[in-house]
N, C-alpha and C. Protein backbone atom coordinates (compact mmCIF):
# COMPACT_ATOMS: atom_id res chain seq x y z
N MET A 1 101.51 104.80 139.26
CA MET A 1 100.13 105.12 138.83
C MET A 1 99.67 103.98 137.86
N GLU A 2 98.44 103.55 138.03
CA GLU A 2 97.83 102.59 137.21
C GLU A 2 97.07 103.12 136.08
N GLU A 3 96.83 102.32 135.10
CA GLU A 3 96.07 102.77 133.92
C GLU A 3 94.69 103.33 134.17
N HIS A 4 93.94 102.84 135.15
CA HIS A 4 92.62 103.41 135.53
C HIS A 4 92.73 104.74 136.16
N ASP A 5 93.91 105.05 136.73
CA ASP A 5 94.10 106.36 137.29
C ASP A 5 94.06 107.47 136.20
N ILE A 6 94.54 107.14 135.15
CA ILE A 6 94.64 108.09 133.95
C ILE A 6 93.23 108.46 133.54
N GLN A 7 92.32 107.53 133.51
CA GLN A 7 91.07 107.76 133.00
C GLN A 7 90.25 108.62 134.02
N GLN A 8 90.65 108.50 135.30
CA GLN A 8 89.93 109.37 136.28
C GLN A 8 90.79 110.51 136.80
N ASN A 9 91.54 111.04 135.94
CA ASN A 9 92.41 112.16 136.19
C ASN A 9 91.79 113.33 136.63
N PRO A 10 92.11 113.88 137.82
CA PRO A 10 91.47 115.08 138.22
C PRO A 10 91.89 116.24 137.34
N ALA A 11 91.05 117.25 137.17
CA ALA A 11 91.22 118.30 136.23
C ALA A 11 92.40 119.12 136.43
N ASN A 12 92.92 119.08 137.75
CA ASN A 12 94.09 120.02 138.08
C ASN A 12 95.37 119.28 138.00
N LEU A 13 95.41 118.03 137.57
CA LEU A 13 96.56 117.23 137.47
C LEU A 13 96.94 117.10 135.95
N HIS A 14 98.18 117.45 135.65
CA HIS A 14 98.63 117.38 134.19
C HIS A 14 99.63 116.21 134.07
N LEU A 15 99.04 115.22 133.33
CA LEU A 15 99.96 114.02 133.00
C LEU A 15 100.77 114.26 131.71
N LEU A 16 102.09 114.20 131.93
CA LEU A 16 103.03 114.46 130.83
C LEU A 16 103.83 113.18 130.47
N THR A 17 104.17 113.00 129.26
CA THR A 17 105.08 111.85 128.96
C THR A 17 106.51 112.27 129.41
N PRO A 18 107.46 111.39 129.76
CA PRO A 18 108.88 111.79 130.22
C PRO A 18 109.36 112.77 129.24
N GLU A 19 109.21 112.38 127.82
CA GLU A 19 109.83 113.38 126.82
C GLU A 19 109.26 114.69 126.87
N GLY A 20 108.01 114.70 127.00
CA GLY A 20 107.22 116.08 126.98
C GLY A 20 107.64 116.86 128.22
N TYR A 21 107.77 116.23 129.27
CA TYR A 21 108.14 116.92 130.58
C TYR A 21 109.51 117.60 130.32
N GLN A 22 110.55 116.78 129.74
CA GLN A 22 111.88 117.26 129.49
C GLN A 22 111.89 118.35 128.46
N GLU A 23 111.02 118.26 127.49
CA GLU A 23 111.03 119.37 126.51
C GLU A 23 110.48 120.81 127.02
N LEU A 24 109.49 120.50 127.87
CA LEU A 24 108.81 121.74 128.51
C LEU A 24 109.77 122.36 129.60
N GLN A 25 110.47 121.50 130.31
CA GLN A 25 111.39 121.96 131.27
C GLN A 25 112.64 122.63 130.60
N ALA A 26 112.98 122.09 129.44
CA ALA A 26 114.11 122.86 128.61
C ALA A 26 113.59 124.18 128.11
N GLU A 27 112.33 124.22 127.69
CA GLU A 27 111.82 125.54 127.26
C GLU A 27 111.70 126.53 128.41
N LEU A 28 111.42 126.07 129.58
CA LEU A 28 111.32 127.03 130.72
C LEU A 28 112.69 127.54 131.09
N GLU A 29 113.65 126.68 131.04
CA GLU A 29 114.97 127.07 131.39
C GLU A 29 115.52 128.08 130.28
N HIS A 30 115.19 127.86 128.98
CA HIS A 30 115.69 128.72 127.98
C HIS A 30 115.04 130.11 128.11
N LEU A 31 113.70 130.11 128.41
CA LEU A 31 112.99 131.39 128.65
C LEU A 31 113.52 132.14 129.71
N MET A 32 113.81 131.50 130.91
CA MET A 32 114.17 132.16 132.09
C MET A 32 115.64 132.54 131.99
N GLY A 33 116.42 131.85 131.21
CA GLY A 33 117.88 132.24 131.15
C GLY A 33 118.10 133.19 129.90
N GLU A 34 118.35 132.46 128.74
CA GLU A 34 118.78 133.14 127.55
C GLU A 34 117.80 134.27 127.12
N LYS A 35 116.45 133.91 127.05
CA LYS A 35 115.50 134.97 126.52
C LYS A 35 115.35 136.17 127.48
N ARG A 36 115.36 135.87 128.77
CA ARG A 36 115.19 137.02 129.67
C ARG A 36 116.40 137.95 129.52
N ALA A 37 117.55 137.33 129.41
CA ALA A 37 118.83 138.08 129.29
C ALA A 37 118.77 138.82 127.99
N GLU A 38 118.37 138.24 126.94
CA GLU A 38 118.35 138.93 125.67
C GLU A 38 117.41 140.17 125.75
N ILE A 39 116.23 139.94 126.30
CA ILE A 39 115.29 141.04 126.43
C ILE A 39 115.79 142.17 127.30
N ALA A 40 116.43 141.77 128.32
CA ALA A 40 117.02 142.79 129.30
C ALA A 40 118.09 143.62 128.51
N GLU A 41 118.91 143.02 127.76
CA GLU A 41 119.97 143.61 126.94
C GLU A 41 119.33 144.60 125.90
N ARG A 42 118.36 144.07 125.24
CA ARG A 42 117.65 144.91 124.19
C ARG A 42 116.95 146.17 124.86
N LEU A 43 116.41 146.13 126.10
CA LEU A 43 115.96 147.24 126.76
C LEU A 43 116.94 148.14 127.16
N ARG A 44 118.12 147.66 127.71
CA ARG A 44 119.26 148.53 128.04
C ARG A 44 119.76 149.24 126.88
N GLU A 45 119.90 148.66 125.73
CA GLU A 45 120.38 149.35 124.47
C GLU A 45 119.47 150.41 124.13
N SER A 46 118.24 150.30 124.24
CA SER A 46 117.18 151.28 123.85
C SER A 46 117.31 152.50 124.78
N LYS A 47 117.46 152.12 126.10
CA LYS A 47 117.60 153.22 127.15
C LYS A 47 118.97 153.90 126.90
N GLU A 48 120.07 153.43 126.50
CA GLU A 48 121.22 153.98 126.28
C GLU A 48 121.21 155.00 125.14
N HIS A 49 120.45 154.62 124.19
CA HIS A 49 120.27 155.39 122.96
C HIS A 49 119.27 156.41 123.00
N GLY A 50 118.70 156.55 124.14
CA GLY A 50 117.60 157.51 124.34
C GLY A 50 116.33 157.25 123.58
N GLU A 51 116.14 155.98 123.42
CA GLU A 51 115.03 155.64 122.53
C GLU A 51 113.58 155.30 123.35
N PHE A 52 113.39 156.03 124.55
CA PHE A 52 112.33 155.83 125.32
C PHE A 52 111.28 156.95 125.00
N SER A 53 111.12 157.21 123.69
CA SER A 53 110.09 158.19 123.32
C SER A 53 108.63 157.57 123.09
N GLU A 54 107.68 158.31 123.06
CA GLU A 54 106.37 157.84 122.84
C GLU A 54 106.15 157.05 121.58
N ASP A 55 106.90 157.34 120.54
CA ASP A 55 106.65 156.74 119.18
C ASP A 55 107.75 155.67 118.87
N ASN A 56 108.36 155.14 119.82
CA ASN A 56 109.36 154.11 119.65
C ASN A 56 108.72 152.72 119.49
N SER A 57 108.55 152.33 118.24
CA SER A 57 107.92 151.14 117.96
C SER A 57 108.81 149.88 118.28
N GLU A 58 110.13 149.98 118.28
CA GLU A 58 111.01 149.00 118.60
C GLU A 58 110.99 148.69 120.05
N LEU A 59 110.92 149.70 120.92
CA LEU A 59 110.78 149.52 122.30
C LEU A 59 109.40 148.81 122.61
N ASP A 60 108.32 149.26 122.01
CA ASP A 60 107.05 148.53 122.18
C ASP A 60 107.16 147.16 121.75
N GLU A 61 107.89 146.86 120.77
CA GLU A 61 107.93 145.41 120.24
C GLU A 61 108.70 144.68 121.42
N VAL A 62 109.77 145.13 121.79
CA VAL A 62 110.60 144.47 122.98
C VAL A 62 109.77 144.33 124.23
N LYS A 63 108.99 145.34 124.59
CA LYS A 63 108.12 145.15 125.73
C LYS A 63 107.02 144.08 125.63
N ASN A 64 106.40 144.04 124.29
CA ASN A 64 105.51 143.06 124.00
C ASN A 64 105.96 141.62 124.07
N GLU A 65 107.26 141.55 123.45
CA GLU A 65 107.86 140.19 123.55
C GLU A 65 108.22 139.85 124.97
N GLN A 66 108.60 140.79 125.79
CA GLN A 66 108.95 140.50 127.19
C GLN A 66 107.59 139.99 127.96
N ALA A 67 106.52 140.62 127.59
CA ALA A 67 105.27 140.29 128.20
C ALA A 67 104.81 138.77 127.78
N MET A 68 105.11 138.44 126.50
CA MET A 68 104.81 137.11 126.10
C MET A 68 105.77 136.03 126.74
N ILE A 69 106.94 136.38 126.84
CA ILE A 69 107.89 135.52 127.54
C ILE A 69 107.50 135.41 129.03
N GLU A 70 107.16 136.46 129.70
CA GLU A 70 106.77 136.22 131.07
C GLU A 70 105.46 135.45 131.25
N SER A 71 104.61 135.61 130.32
CA SER A 71 103.26 134.98 130.37
C SER A 71 103.51 133.39 130.13
N ARG A 72 104.40 133.02 129.20
CA ARG A 72 104.74 131.69 128.99
C ARG A 72 105.49 131.01 130.21
N ILE A 73 106.37 131.76 130.79
CA ILE A 73 107.11 131.33 131.95
C ILE A 73 106.03 131.01 133.05
N SER A 74 105.17 131.93 133.36
CA SER A 74 104.10 131.72 134.30
C SER A 74 103.22 130.61 134.00
N GLU A 75 102.84 130.34 132.72
CA GLU A 75 102.12 129.28 132.31
C GLU A 75 102.74 127.84 132.59
N LEU A 76 104.10 127.86 132.26
CA LEU A 76 104.94 126.72 132.42
C LEU A 76 105.06 126.31 133.99
N ARG A 77 105.31 127.45 134.82
CA ARG A 77 105.48 127.16 136.21
C ARG A 77 104.19 126.62 136.86
N GLU A 78 103.09 127.21 136.40
CA GLU A 78 101.83 126.65 136.84
C GLU A 78 101.61 125.19 136.51
N LEU A 79 101.99 124.93 135.24
CA LEU A 79 101.94 123.60 134.81
C LEU A 79 102.76 122.60 135.54
N PHE A 80 104.02 122.99 135.90
CA PHE A 80 104.87 122.00 136.61
C PHE A 80 104.37 121.93 138.05
N ALA A 81 103.68 122.91 138.59
CA ALA A 81 103.20 122.81 139.89
C ALA A 81 102.19 121.60 140.11
N THR A 82 101.56 121.28 138.95
CA THR A 82 100.57 120.25 138.97
C THR A 82 100.83 119.12 138.03
N ALA A 83 102.08 119.06 137.54
CA ALA A 83 102.46 118.05 136.61
C ALA A 83 102.84 116.72 137.28
N GLN A 84 102.58 115.63 136.63
CA GLN A 84 103.03 114.40 137.03
C GLN A 84 103.52 113.64 135.79
N ILE A 85 104.64 112.94 135.76
CA ILE A 85 105.10 112.23 134.64
C ILE A 85 104.47 110.92 134.64
N LEU A 86 104.02 110.56 133.40
CA LEU A 86 103.24 109.31 133.03
C LEU A 86 104.34 108.23 133.10
N GLU A 87 104.10 107.36 134.06
CA GLU A 87 104.91 106.05 134.12
C GLU A 87 104.80 105.25 132.96
N PRO A 88 105.82 104.60 132.48
CA PRO A 88 105.76 103.75 131.30
C PRO A 88 104.63 102.62 131.50
N ASP A 89 104.62 102.00 132.84
CA ASP A 89 103.69 101.00 133.09
C ASP A 89 102.21 101.40 133.04
N ALA A 90 102.02 102.76 133.05
CA ALA A 90 100.51 103.23 133.02
C ALA A 90 100.10 103.51 131.65
N ILE A 91 101.04 103.37 130.69
CA ILE A 91 100.60 103.57 129.30
C ILE A 91 99.94 102.42 128.62
N PRO A 92 98.65 102.53 128.28
CA PRO A 92 98.05 101.31 127.81
C PRO A 92 98.33 100.88 126.50
N THR A 93 98.24 99.57 126.29
CA THR A 93 98.52 98.94 124.95
C THR A 93 97.41 98.04 124.38
N LYS A 94 96.37 97.86 125.37
CA LYS A 94 95.22 97.11 124.95
C LYS A 94 94.17 97.96 124.26
N HIS A 95 94.19 99.23 124.57
CA HIS A 95 93.42 100.28 123.84
C HIS A 95 94.36 101.52 123.85
N ALA A 96 93.85 102.41 122.98
CA ALA A 96 94.51 103.78 122.81
C ALA A 96 94.31 104.62 123.89
N GLY A 97 95.32 105.15 124.54
CA GLY A 97 95.20 106.02 125.68
C GLY A 97 96.35 106.97 125.77
N LEU A 98 96.34 107.80 126.81
CA LEU A 98 97.36 108.80 126.98
C LEU A 98 98.73 108.14 127.04
N GLY A 99 99.70 108.63 126.11
CA GLY A 99 100.95 108.04 125.99
C GLY A 99 101.10 106.93 124.98
N SER A 100 100.02 106.29 124.52
CA SER A 100 100.10 105.28 123.56
C SER A 100 100.51 105.85 122.13
N TYR A 101 101.29 104.94 121.41
CA TYR A 101 101.65 105.05 120.01
C TYR A 101 100.65 104.24 119.33
N VAL A 102 99.95 104.84 118.38
CA VAL A 102 98.84 104.28 117.64
C VAL A 102 99.23 104.26 116.11
N THR A 103 99.36 103.03 115.59
CA THR A 103 99.48 102.96 114.13
C THR A 103 98.15 102.99 113.33
N LEU A 104 98.02 103.91 112.46
CA LEU A 104 96.71 103.90 111.77
C LEU A 104 96.86 103.72 110.27
N ASN A 105 95.78 103.12 109.74
CA ASN A 105 95.69 102.76 108.36
C ASN A 105 94.68 103.49 107.58
N ASP A 106 95.00 104.40 106.66
CA ASP A 106 93.95 105.08 105.83
C ASP A 106 93.81 104.23 104.57
N GLU A 107 92.88 103.38 104.60
CA GLU A 107 92.74 102.37 103.45
C GLU A 107 92.32 103.10 102.18
N GLU A 108 91.63 104.23 102.23
CA GLU A 108 91.18 104.94 101.02
C GLU A 108 92.32 105.50 100.27
N ARG A 109 93.34 106.15 101.09
CA ARG A 109 94.48 106.85 100.53
C ARG A 109 95.72 105.90 100.44
N LYS A 110 95.65 104.69 100.97
CA LYS A 110 96.74 103.77 100.96
C LYS A 110 97.85 104.34 101.86
N LEU A 111 97.60 104.85 103.00
CA LEU A 111 98.64 105.41 103.95
C LEU A 111 98.59 104.75 105.18
N GLN A 112 99.78 104.54 105.83
CA GLN A 112 99.83 104.03 107.17
C GLN A 112 100.81 104.98 107.85
N PHE A 113 100.46 105.35 109.08
CA PHE A 113 101.20 106.40 109.89
C PHE A 113 101.00 106.07 111.41
N GLU A 114 101.90 106.62 112.21
CA GLU A 114 101.84 106.50 113.65
C GLU A 114 101.67 107.84 114.39
N VAL A 115 100.84 107.85 115.34
CA VAL A 115 100.66 109.06 116.18
C VAL A 115 100.84 108.66 117.66
N ARG A 116 101.19 109.72 118.45
CA ARG A 116 101.16 109.45 119.88
C ARG A 116 100.19 110.28 120.53
N LEU A 117 99.35 109.70 121.45
CA LEU A 117 98.40 110.45 122.12
C LEU A 117 99.02 111.08 123.37
N VAL A 118 98.83 112.41 123.49
CA VAL A 118 99.49 113.16 124.51
C VAL A 118 98.54 114.20 125.14
N ALA A 119 98.91 114.88 126.32
CA ALA A 119 98.09 115.97 126.74
C ALA A 119 98.17 117.07 125.78
N SER A 120 97.28 117.99 125.81
CA SER A 120 97.23 119.15 124.90
C SER A 120 98.35 119.95 124.99
N ILE A 121 98.95 120.15 126.24
CA ILE A 121 100.09 121.04 126.27
C ILE A 121 101.35 120.37 125.60
N GLU A 122 101.39 119.17 125.29
CA GLU A 122 102.45 118.49 124.62
C GLU A 122 102.26 118.31 123.21
N SER A 123 101.07 118.61 122.66
CA SER A 123 100.86 118.27 121.30
C SER A 123 101.56 119.13 120.35
N ASP A 124 101.94 118.32 119.25
CA ASP A 124 102.76 118.96 118.19
C ASP A 124 102.52 118.06 116.92
N PRO A 125 101.54 118.50 116.09
CA PRO A 125 101.22 117.71 114.96
C PRO A 125 102.39 117.51 114.05
N ASP A 126 103.35 118.44 113.99
CA ASP A 126 104.51 118.21 113.07
C ASP A 126 105.35 117.07 113.49
N LYS A 127 105.30 116.77 114.84
CA LYS A 127 106.00 115.52 115.47
C LYS A 127 105.21 114.38 115.66
N ASP A 128 103.91 114.40 115.12
CA ASP A 128 102.88 113.35 115.24
C ASP A 128 102.59 113.13 116.76
N LEU A 129 102.51 114.17 117.58
CA LEU A 129 102.15 114.14 118.93
C LEU A 129 100.74 114.71 118.94
N LEU A 130 99.79 113.94 119.02
CA LEU A 130 98.30 114.23 119.00
C LEU A 130 97.60 114.50 120.32
N SER A 131 97.03 115.56 120.54
CA SER A 131 96.22 115.85 121.72
C SER A 131 95.13 114.95 121.74
N VAL A 132 94.83 114.26 123.04
CA VAL A 132 93.68 113.61 123.27
C VAL A 132 92.43 114.26 123.28
N GLU A 133 92.52 115.67 123.18
CA GLU A 133 91.40 116.49 123.06
C GLU A 133 91.04 116.84 121.63
N SER A 134 91.92 116.60 120.68
CA SER A 134 91.74 116.87 119.27
C SER A 134 90.68 115.92 118.80
N PRO A 135 90.10 116.33 117.54
CA PRO A 135 88.98 115.37 117.03
C PRO A 135 89.49 113.91 116.80
N LEU A 136 90.71 113.78 116.23
CA LEU A 136 91.32 112.49 116.10
C LEU A 136 91.59 111.71 117.33
N GLY A 137 92.20 112.43 118.32
CA GLY A 137 92.43 111.98 119.59
C GLY A 137 91.28 111.50 120.40
N GLN A 138 90.17 112.30 120.24
CA GLN A 138 88.91 111.88 120.98
C GLN A 138 88.29 110.57 120.27
N ALA A 139 88.41 110.58 118.84
CA ALA A 139 87.94 109.42 118.19
C ALA A 139 88.80 108.12 118.57
N LEU A 140 90.11 108.30 118.78
CA LEU A 140 90.96 107.16 119.03
C LEU A 140 91.00 106.65 120.42
N TYR A 141 90.70 107.57 121.46
CA TYR A 141 90.78 107.21 122.82
C TYR A 141 89.90 106.04 123.17
N GLY A 142 90.56 105.01 123.74
CA GLY A 142 89.69 103.86 124.14
C GLY A 142 89.57 102.80 123.06
N ARG A 143 90.00 103.03 122.03
CA ARG A 143 89.77 102.11 120.67
C ARG A 143 90.84 101.10 120.80
N GLU A 144 90.50 99.92 120.25
CA GLU A 144 91.44 98.82 120.26
C GLU A 144 91.87 98.47 118.79
N VAL A 145 92.86 97.62 118.79
CA VAL A 145 93.45 97.16 117.38
C VAL A 145 92.20 96.50 116.63
N GLY A 146 92.13 96.86 115.37
CA GLY A 146 91.11 96.32 114.53
C GLY A 146 89.90 97.24 114.30
N GLU A 147 89.68 98.08 115.26
CA GLU A 147 88.55 99.09 115.20
C GLU A 147 88.78 100.14 114.24
N THR A 148 87.72 100.65 113.65
CA THR A 148 87.83 101.73 112.62
C THR A 148 87.31 103.00 113.31
N VAL A 149 87.98 104.11 113.18
CA VAL A 149 87.47 105.39 113.85
C VAL A 149 87.03 106.37 112.63
N THR A 150 86.04 107.06 112.81
CA THR A 150 85.53 108.05 111.76
C THR A 150 85.46 109.42 112.60
N PHE A 151 86.01 110.40 112.09
CA PHE A 151 85.85 111.79 112.67
C PHE A 151 85.88 112.90 111.70
N ASN A 152 85.45 114.15 112.14
CA ASN A 152 85.39 115.18 111.25
C ASN A 152 86.78 115.98 111.43
N ALA A 153 87.34 116.36 110.26
CA ALA A 153 88.51 117.09 110.17
C ALA A 153 88.34 118.24 109.12
N PRO A 154 89.23 119.18 109.19
CA PRO A 154 89.11 120.30 108.20
C PRO A 154 89.04 119.81 106.75
N ALA A 155 89.65 118.72 106.50
CA ALA A 155 89.54 118.12 105.13
C ALA A 155 88.21 117.34 104.88
N GLY A 156 87.38 117.21 105.83
CA GLY A 156 86.19 116.52 105.80
C GLY A 156 86.17 115.33 106.68
N THR A 157 85.22 114.34 106.47
CA THR A 157 85.22 113.24 107.30
C THR A 157 86.26 112.15 107.02
N LEU A 158 87.06 111.69 107.86
CA LEU A 158 88.15 110.87 107.67
C LEU A 158 87.80 109.58 108.44
N LYS A 159 88.37 108.46 107.84
CA LYS A 159 88.25 107.10 108.53
C LYS A 159 89.58 106.44 108.57
N TYR A 160 89.95 105.89 109.70
CA TYR A 160 91.20 105.17 109.87
C TYR A 160 90.98 104.01 110.69
N LYS A 161 91.74 102.91 110.34
CA LYS A 161 91.62 101.61 111.01
C LYS A 161 92.86 101.60 111.97
N VAL A 162 92.70 101.22 113.23
CA VAL A 162 93.70 101.09 114.11
C VAL A 162 94.36 99.72 113.90
N GLU A 163 95.69 99.80 113.59
CA GLU A 163 96.50 98.63 113.20
C GLU A 163 97.37 98.10 114.32
N LYS A 164 97.82 99.02 115.21
CA LYS A 164 98.81 98.64 116.30
C LYS A 164 98.73 99.66 117.43
N ILE A 165 98.93 99.15 118.62
CA ILE A 165 99.02 100.13 119.74
C ILE A 165 100.22 99.66 120.57
N ARG A 166 101.15 100.62 120.95
CA ARG A 166 102.29 100.23 121.66
C ARG A 166 102.65 101.28 122.60
N LYS A 167 103.66 101.00 123.56
CA LYS A 167 104.18 101.99 124.47
C LYS A 167 105.26 102.79 123.88
């Protein structure tokens, strides 16, 4: 896949970084294996103890958790049906794009940090994985080294200078 293909990505195609694909695949395997088995065991225990009464809040909690797990499994299966792994050669370095690591400088606060632009399904601010759909992601997308981006954040209007872009 070439860089221009990313910009013309059809809405039904989900481009994932190799690391994001592996993490989501591991999550799906965990949910389908360990979590389903855990929920089934908890339901069996409730049944054995005769806890299937109308006012059993623990059973309701297990059933709600089961529904959330099945919903997430379904969501991940649908994602993988349309997922494509982003090839390293398709990650842009001349401008910020999907898969790019972008080093930013906050001159006002004397901070420098790096984020990676990813699809929303992969985003994790705690790991500096930033959705291209987020306010900062949108402001960065297509920008080049030396450019300054300004965007609105919960903390107010922020301004960062793009210092470096890498794969």
